[in-house]
Amino acid sequence: MGRVGLINSGGESHGASDLKEAVYTAVVIKHAGGMGLISGRKAFQKPIKDGIELLHAIQDVYLDKSISLA
C-alpha cells in the first residue's frame, strides 16, 4: 500500500555485456520494489537467439521468489 510501481528502462545496447547488465538491473529494480524492466534495445538489436536469452534471463529474475524487496 502506498507504493508506486516502477518500470525502469534497460538502456542502450552495449554488446557483450548486455546480458549481465540486464540481469543486474532487473535484480536491483526488483529489490527496490520495481515491477518491470523495459529492455527493447538490449534485446531487439541482437540476433533473435541472443535477444530471447536476454528476455528469458530478465523473466527469471522476476519469477525467482528468493529475490525479494531489500
Protein backbone atom coordinates (compact mmCIF):
# COMPACT_ATOMS: atom_id res chain seq x y z
CA MET A 1 0.00 0.00 0.00
CA GLY A 2 1.25 3.44 -0.81
CA ARG A 3 3.85 2.12 -3.25
CA VAL A 4 4.11 3.15 -6.86
CA GLY A 5 5.08 0.56 -9.45
CA LEU A 6 8.47 1.28 -11.00
CA ILE A 7 9.43 0.24 -14.50
CA ASN A 8 13.00 1.07 -15.48
CA SER A 9 14.48 1.36 -18.96
CA GLY A 10 17.31 -1.07 -19.65
CA GLY A 11 19.15 1.49 -21.75
CA GLU A 12 21.04 1.15 -24.97
CA SER A 13 22.80 -1.98 -26.20
CA HIS A 14 26.49 -2.24 -25.33
CA GLY A 15 27.17 -5.60 -26.94
CA ALA A 16 28.67 -8.48 -24.99
CA SER A 17 27.88 -7.05 -21.53
CA ASP A 18 24.14 -6.62 -22.21
CA LEU A 19 23.00 -9.87 -20.57
CA LYS A 20 24.97 -9.24 -17.38
CA GLU A 21 23.81 -5.61 -17.21
CA ALA A 22 20.15 -6.52 -17.81
CA VAL A 23 20.12 -9.19 -15.09
CA TYR A 24 21.90 -6.89 -12.62
CA THR A 25 19.46 -4.06 -13.37
CA ALA A 26 16.45 -6.37 -13.03
CA VAL A 27 17.66 -7.58 -9.62
CA VAL A 28 18.25 -4.01 -8.39
CA ILE A 29 14.84 -2.86 -9.64
CA LYS A 30 13.09 -5.88 -8.11
CA HIS A 31 14.85 -5.25 -4.76
CA ALA A 32 13.60 -1.66 -4.92
CA GLY A 33 10.01 -2.82 -5.45
CA GLY A 34 10.00 -2.34 -9.19
CA MET A 35 7.54 -4.14 -11.39
CA GLY A 36 9.44 -4.47 -14.65
CA LEU A 37 12.29 -3.60 -16.94
CA ILE A 38 11.98 -2.17 -20.44
CA SER A 39 14.59 -4.00 -22.49
CA GLY A 40 13.87 -3.05 -26.08
CA ARG A 41 17.24 -2.03 -27.49
CA LYS A 42 19.22 -4.53 -25.42
CA ALA A 43 17.07 -7.41 -26.68
CA PHE A 44 15.98 -6.38 -30.15
CA GLN A 45 19.26 -5.09 -31.60
CA LYS A 46 20.72 -8.61 -31.40
CA PRO A 47 20.31 -11.88 -33.26
CA ILE A 48 16.99 -13.43 -32.21
CA LYS A 49 18.64 -16.24 -30.20
CA ASP A 50 20.62 -13.76 -28.09
CA GLY A 51 17.63 -11.46 -27.63
CA ILE A 52 15.44 -14.33 -26.42
CA GLU A 53 18.15 -15.43 -23.98
CA LEU A 54 18.29 -11.91 -22.54
CA LEU A 55 14.50 -11.67 -22.19
CA HIS A 56 14.31 -15.08 -20.50
CA ALA A 57 17.06 -14.08 -18.05
CA ILE A 58 15.10 -10.97 -17.06
CA GLN A 59 11.90 -13.01 -16.68
CA ASP A 60 13.75 -15.49 -14.49
CA VAL A 61 14.72 -12.67 -12.11
CA TYR A 62 11.08 -11.61 -11.69
CA LEU A 63 9.93 -15.24 -11.26
CA ASP A 64 12.62 -16.07 -8.67
CA LYS A 65 10.95 -15.90 -5.27
CA SER A 66 14.33 -15.80 -3.49
CA ILE A 67 14.92 -12.30 -4.91
CA SER A 68 12.75 -10.03 -2.78
CA LEU A 69 12.46 -6.46 -1.60
CA ALA A 70 15.59 -5.12 0.02
